[in-house]
Every structure is written in C-alpha cells, then in structure tokens.
Amino acid sequence: MKKIVLASGSPRRKELFAQLGLTPIIWSSDIPEMISTTEKPESIAMSLALQKALRASNIFEDSLIIAADTIVVLDGSIMGKPRNNGEAFEMLKALSGRSHEVITGIAIIDSSKGSKVVEYEKTIVTFRNLENDRINSYIASGEVLDKAGAYGIQGKGALLVEKIEGCYFNVVGLPLTKLESCLEKYFDTKFL
C-alpha cells in the first residue's frame, strides 16, 4: 500500500485511523473555509475536502492523500464551529429536540497518478430536548469549541443524542465504510 497522508488536523480522524491499525502521515492543511450560501451543503463539504487534498498533493509525492470536511446542517443552514461559549449555547439550543444533518465530504487523491475522487456521506442526528442546565454543563465540559455544531458524539456529547440514522463514524468526522469503499472502487486499495 502507498503511504497514506491524512490531510487533517482533527484528532478524531487520527484516532479513527489508529482504530484501524493505520498510522498515516498527518498534515494539517489550513485552508480558508469560505462557505457560499447558494451552494448545497453536500457540495460545500466536498469542495472543502478537495481543497485540503489538493494542497497536500502538491507536497506529498507518490502518496494516497485523504482529506475530509464535516459540517452540521440545521434547516438548510450550516453550523460551523462556535467561536465562544455563547455561540455554542445558541447552537445547542437550536439543535435541542430536533433532527439535523451531519455531512462529511471526502476527497482522495493518488498524487503519483493525479487521479482523484470526491464523495460525501450524510447522517441524520436527533437531539434530546435539552434544558439550559444540561447545555451549560456540556459547555463546561470543554468539548464544544473545536466541533461543528458545538458537540462531539464520541464524548460527553453522546448524552445529547436521542438517535442517529446512518453512519456513526460520519458524525465523528470520517465515514470509514464510505472511505474504504471509495478506496477499493477507485484506487484498488482496502484497509481490511
């Protein structure tokens, strides 16, 4: 297998690779996340993932570059990462008792051949009804500021979720089954 470069600074994505017994080269591509309100959320997630992968492919030769970008969408509006606890509270309050979409765009580039594929995965997440005290307790846990939608399902944020429809790992930040099926279909590579 070619060397794998994970073009992401997300500790959660790194942990998911470790869970598979893989140790990719980690390279964080800090791209400006410009979001257009006229594009579909799926297109935005895929575009951001592709921008990260393209930047990494200019640096790493003869590698398989994997990049992802996860967004949270409520009523057609994208929720980014909160800038402060006040924004986190507003996001969590808006998500309370409702369903939202978590969309992860995936981009894979074989830098030796220049071949690439871009896909996405969507999961529906339904939150419990959250009282203000529960929201404030969760914010105090410190999990909110570096996550789209102000929560992480793999931590204490799991207690906010009533149910999910679709891929759990997508909500964490990297839909593993979709990733492997893309690798197998387009790059004749698989993890297992």
Protein backbone atom coordinates (compact mmCIF):
# COMPACT_ATOMS: atom_id res chain seq x y z
CA MET A 1 0.00 0.00 0.00
CA LYS A 2 1.19 3.52 -0.77
CA LYS A 3 1.95 5.80 2.12
CA ILE A 4 -1.21 7.46 3.34
CA VAL A 5 -1.40 11.16 4.14
CA LEU A 6 -4.31 12.34 6.23
CA ALA A 7 -4.74 15.99 5.30
CA SER A 8 -6.48 16.91 8.53
CA GLY A 9 -5.56 18.25 11.93
CA SER A 10 -8.58 16.57 13.52
CA PRO A 11 -7.57 14.39 16.47
CA ARG A 12 -10.79 12.41 15.96
CA ARG A 13 -9.86 11.44 12.40
CA LYS A 14 -6.39 10.43 13.55
CA GLU A 15 -7.98 8.27 16.29
CA LEU A 16 -10.24 6.58 13.73
CA PHE A 17 -7.21 5.66 11.60
CA ALA A 18 -5.46 4.33 14.72
CA GLN A 19 -8.55 2.25 15.47
CA LEU A 20 -7.98 0.58 12.08
CA GLY A 21 -4.33 -0.04 12.93
CA LEU A 22 -3.13 2.61 10.45
CA THR A 23 -0.63 5.36 11.09
CA PRO A 24 -0.93 7.91 8.31
CA ILE A 25 1.28 10.93 7.89
CA ILE A 26 -0.71 13.75 9.46
CA TRP A 27 -0.60 17.04 7.62
CA SER A 28 -2.99 19.81 8.52
CA SER A 29 -3.93 21.93 5.55
CA ASP A 30 -5.28 25.18 6.88
CA ILE A 31 -7.47 26.40 4.08
CA PRO A 32 -9.79 29.37 4.43
CA GLU A 33 -13.23 27.82 4.85
CA MET A 34 -15.24 30.04 2.54
CA ILE A 35 -18.86 28.91 2.57
CA SER A 36 -21.31 30.00 -0.10
CA THR A 37 -24.95 30.29 0.91
CA THR A 38 -26.02 29.43 -2.65
CA GLU A 39 -24.31 26.01 -2.81
CA LYS A 40 -25.80 22.82 -1.43
CA PRO A 41 -24.21 21.69 1.86
CA GLU A 42 -23.03 18.45 0.21
CA SER A 43 -21.17 20.46 -2.44
CA ILE A 44 -19.59 22.68 0.20
CA ALA A 45 -18.34 19.72 2.27
CA MET A 46 -16.89 18.04 -0.83
CA SER A 47 -15.29 21.26 -2.06
CA LEU A 48 -13.59 21.93 1.28
CA ALA A 49 -12.31 18.33 1.45
CA LEU A 50 -10.98 18.58 -2.11
CA GLN A 51 -9.18 21.87 -1.40
CA LYS A 52 -7.41 20.23 1.56
CA ALA A 53 -6.45 17.17 -0.50
CA LEU A 54 -5.18 19.25 -3.44
CA ARG A 55 -2.97 21.33 -1.17
CA ALA A 56 -1.48 18.17 0.36
CA SER A 57 -1.00 16.53 -3.05
CA ASN A 58 1.34 19.38 -4.03
CA ILE A 59 3.62 18.46 -1.12
CA PHE A 60 3.48 14.65 -0.87
CA GLU A 61 4.59 12.66 -3.92
CA ASP A 62 3.67 9.03 -4.51
CA SER A 63 1.07 9.08 -1.73
CA LEU A 64 -2.57 8.45 -1.19
CA ILE A 65 -3.98 11.72 0.16
CA ILE A 66 -7.18 11.53 2.20
CA ALA A 67 -9.00 14.67 3.31
CA ALA A 68 -12.39 15.25 4.87
CA ASP A 69 -14.58 18.10 5.99
CA THR A 70 -17.60 17.68 8.27
CA ILE A 71 -20.44 20.15 8.52
CA VAL A 72 -23.62 20.28 10.57
CA VAL A 73 -26.77 21.46 8.81
CA LEU A 74 -29.99 22.56 10.51
CA ASP A 75 -32.92 23.68 8.36
CA GLY A 76 -30.59 24.13 5.37
CA SER A 77 -28.18 26.40 7.29
CA ILE A 78 -24.62 25.33 8.04
CA MET A 79 -23.44 25.48 11.63
CA GLY A 80 -19.69 25.90 11.87
CA LYS A 81 -17.52 25.67 14.94
CA PRO A 82 -18.62 28.07 17.68
CA ARG A 83 -16.23 30.94 18.39
CA ASN A 84 -17.18 31.12 22.06
CA ASN A 85 -19.41 29.56 24.71
CA GLY A 86 -22.26 31.93 23.90
CA GLU A 87 -22.35 30.75 20.27
CA ALA A 88 -22.08 27.15 21.47
CA PHE A 89 -25.12 27.67 23.71
CA GLU A 90 -27.15 29.13 20.84
CA MET A 91 -26.21 26.23 18.54
CA LEU A 92 -27.05 23.56 21.10
CA LYS A 93 -30.31 25.30 21.98
CA ALA A 94 -31.25 25.36 18.27
CA LEU A 95 -30.44 21.63 17.94
CA SER A 96 -32.43 20.70 21.07
CA GLY A 97 -35.28 18.29 20.37
CA ARG A 98 -34.69 18.44 16.62
CA SER A 99 -33.07 16.47 13.82
CA HIS A 100 -30.16 17.80 11.80
CA GLU A 101 -27.80 16.52 9.12
CA VAL A 102 -24.12 15.79 9.52
CA ILE A 103 -22.39 15.78 6.14
CA THR A 104 -18.79 14.78 5.58
CA GLY A 105 -17.10 15.41 2.27
CA ILE A 106 -14.25 13.01 1.46
CA ALA A 107 -11.54 13.63 -1.13
CA ILE A 108 -8.91 11.06 -2.09
CA ILE A 109 -6.02 11.79 -4.44
CA ASP A 110 -3.32 9.44 -5.69
CA SER A 111 -0.56 12.03 -6.03
CA SER A 112 1.57 9.79 -8.26
CA LYS A 113 -1.17 9.41 -10.88
CA GLY A 114 -3.15 12.58 -10.25
CA SER A 115 -6.36 10.54 -10.02
CA LYS A 116 -8.96 11.73 -7.55
CA VAL A 117 -12.43 11.02 -6.22
CA VAL A 118 -14.74 13.20 -4.14
CA GLU A 119 -17.77 11.81 -2.30
CA TYR A 120 -19.91 12.59 0.74
CA GLU A 121 -21.80 10.82 3.49
CA LYS A 122 -24.89 12.12 5.29
CA THR A 123 -26.21 11.07 8.70
CA ILE A 124 -29.36 12.33 10.43
CA VAL A 125 -28.87 13.07 14.14
CA THR A 126 -31.78 13.73 16.50
CA PHE A 127 -31.11 15.51 19.78
CA ARG A 128 -32.97 15.04 23.03
CA ASN A 129 -34.84 18.03 24.43
CA LEU A 130 -32.09 19.88 26.30
CA GLU A 131 -32.69 22.04 29.33
CA ASN A 132 -30.45 25.07 29.74
CA ASP A 133 -28.68 23.46 32.72
CA ARG A 134 -27.71 20.43 30.62
CA ILE A 135 -26.46 22.67 27.81
CA ASN A 136 -24.38 24.71 30.25
CA SER A 137 -22.98 21.55 31.87
CA TYR A 138 -21.97 20.25 28.46
CA ILE A 139 -20.33 23.56 27.53
CA ALA A 140 -18.42 23.42 30.83
CA SER A 141 -17.01 20.02 29.79
CA GLY A 142 -14.81 21.85 27.26
CA GLU A 143 -15.89 19.72 24.28
CA VAL A 144 -17.73 22.38 22.29
CA LEU A 145 -15.34 24.88 20.70
CA ASP A 146 -13.49 22.76 18.14
CA LYS A 147 -16.52 20.93 16.73
CA ALA A 148 -19.06 21.79 14.06
CA GLY A 149 -22.45 22.22 15.70
CA ALA A 150 -20.75 22.55 19.11
CA TYR A 151 -20.85 18.85 20.02
CA GLY A 152 -18.88 15.65 19.70
CA ILE A 153 -20.85 12.40 19.63
CA GLN A 154 -17.77 10.39 20.64
CA GLY A 155 -17.52 12.15 24.01
CA LYS A 156 -20.00 13.54 26.52
CA GLY A 157 -21.97 14.89 23.58
CA ALA A 158 -23.33 11.35 23.15
CA LEU A 159 -25.65 12.15 26.05
CA LEU A 160 -27.32 14.88 23.97
CA VAL A 161 -28.26 12.50 21.16
CA GLU A 162 -31.55 10.61 21.10
CA LYS A 163 -30.86 8.67 17.89
CA ILE A 164 -28.94 8.64 14.63
CA GLU A 165 -29.88 7.39 11.18
CA GLY A 166 -26.84 6.43 9.16
CA CYS A 167 -23.12 6.15 9.79
CA TYR A 168 -21.97 6.85 13.35
CA PHE A 169 -18.36 7.39 12.22
CA ASN A 170 -19.56 10.09 9.85
CA VAL A 171 -20.78 12.07 12.87
CA VAL A 172 -17.36 11.59 14.49
CA GLY A 173 -15.79 13.06 11.33
CA LEU A 174 -14.82 10.28 8.92
CA PRO A 175 -17.28 7.74 7.46
CA LEU A 176 -14.99 4.72 7.45
CA THR A 177 -17.12 2.39 5.33
CA LYS A 178 -17.64 5.05 2.64
CA LEU A 179 -13.91 5.83 2.72
CA GLU A 180 -12.91 2.19 2.26
CA SER A 181 -15.48 1.61 -0.48
CA CYS A 182 -14.07 4.63 -2.38
CA LEU A 183 -10.52 3.35 -1.90
CA GLU A 184 -11.50 -0.11 -3.14
CA LYS A 185 -13.60 1.08 -6.09
CA TYR A 186 -11.32 3.82 -7.43
CA PHE A 187 -7.83 3.01 -6.12
CA ASP A 188 -7.84 -0.80 -5.75
CA THR A 189 -6.88 -0.38 -2.08
CA LYS A 190 -8.60 -1.51 1.09
CA PHE A 191 -7.93 -1.43 4.82
CA LEU A 192 -9.14 -4.95 5.59
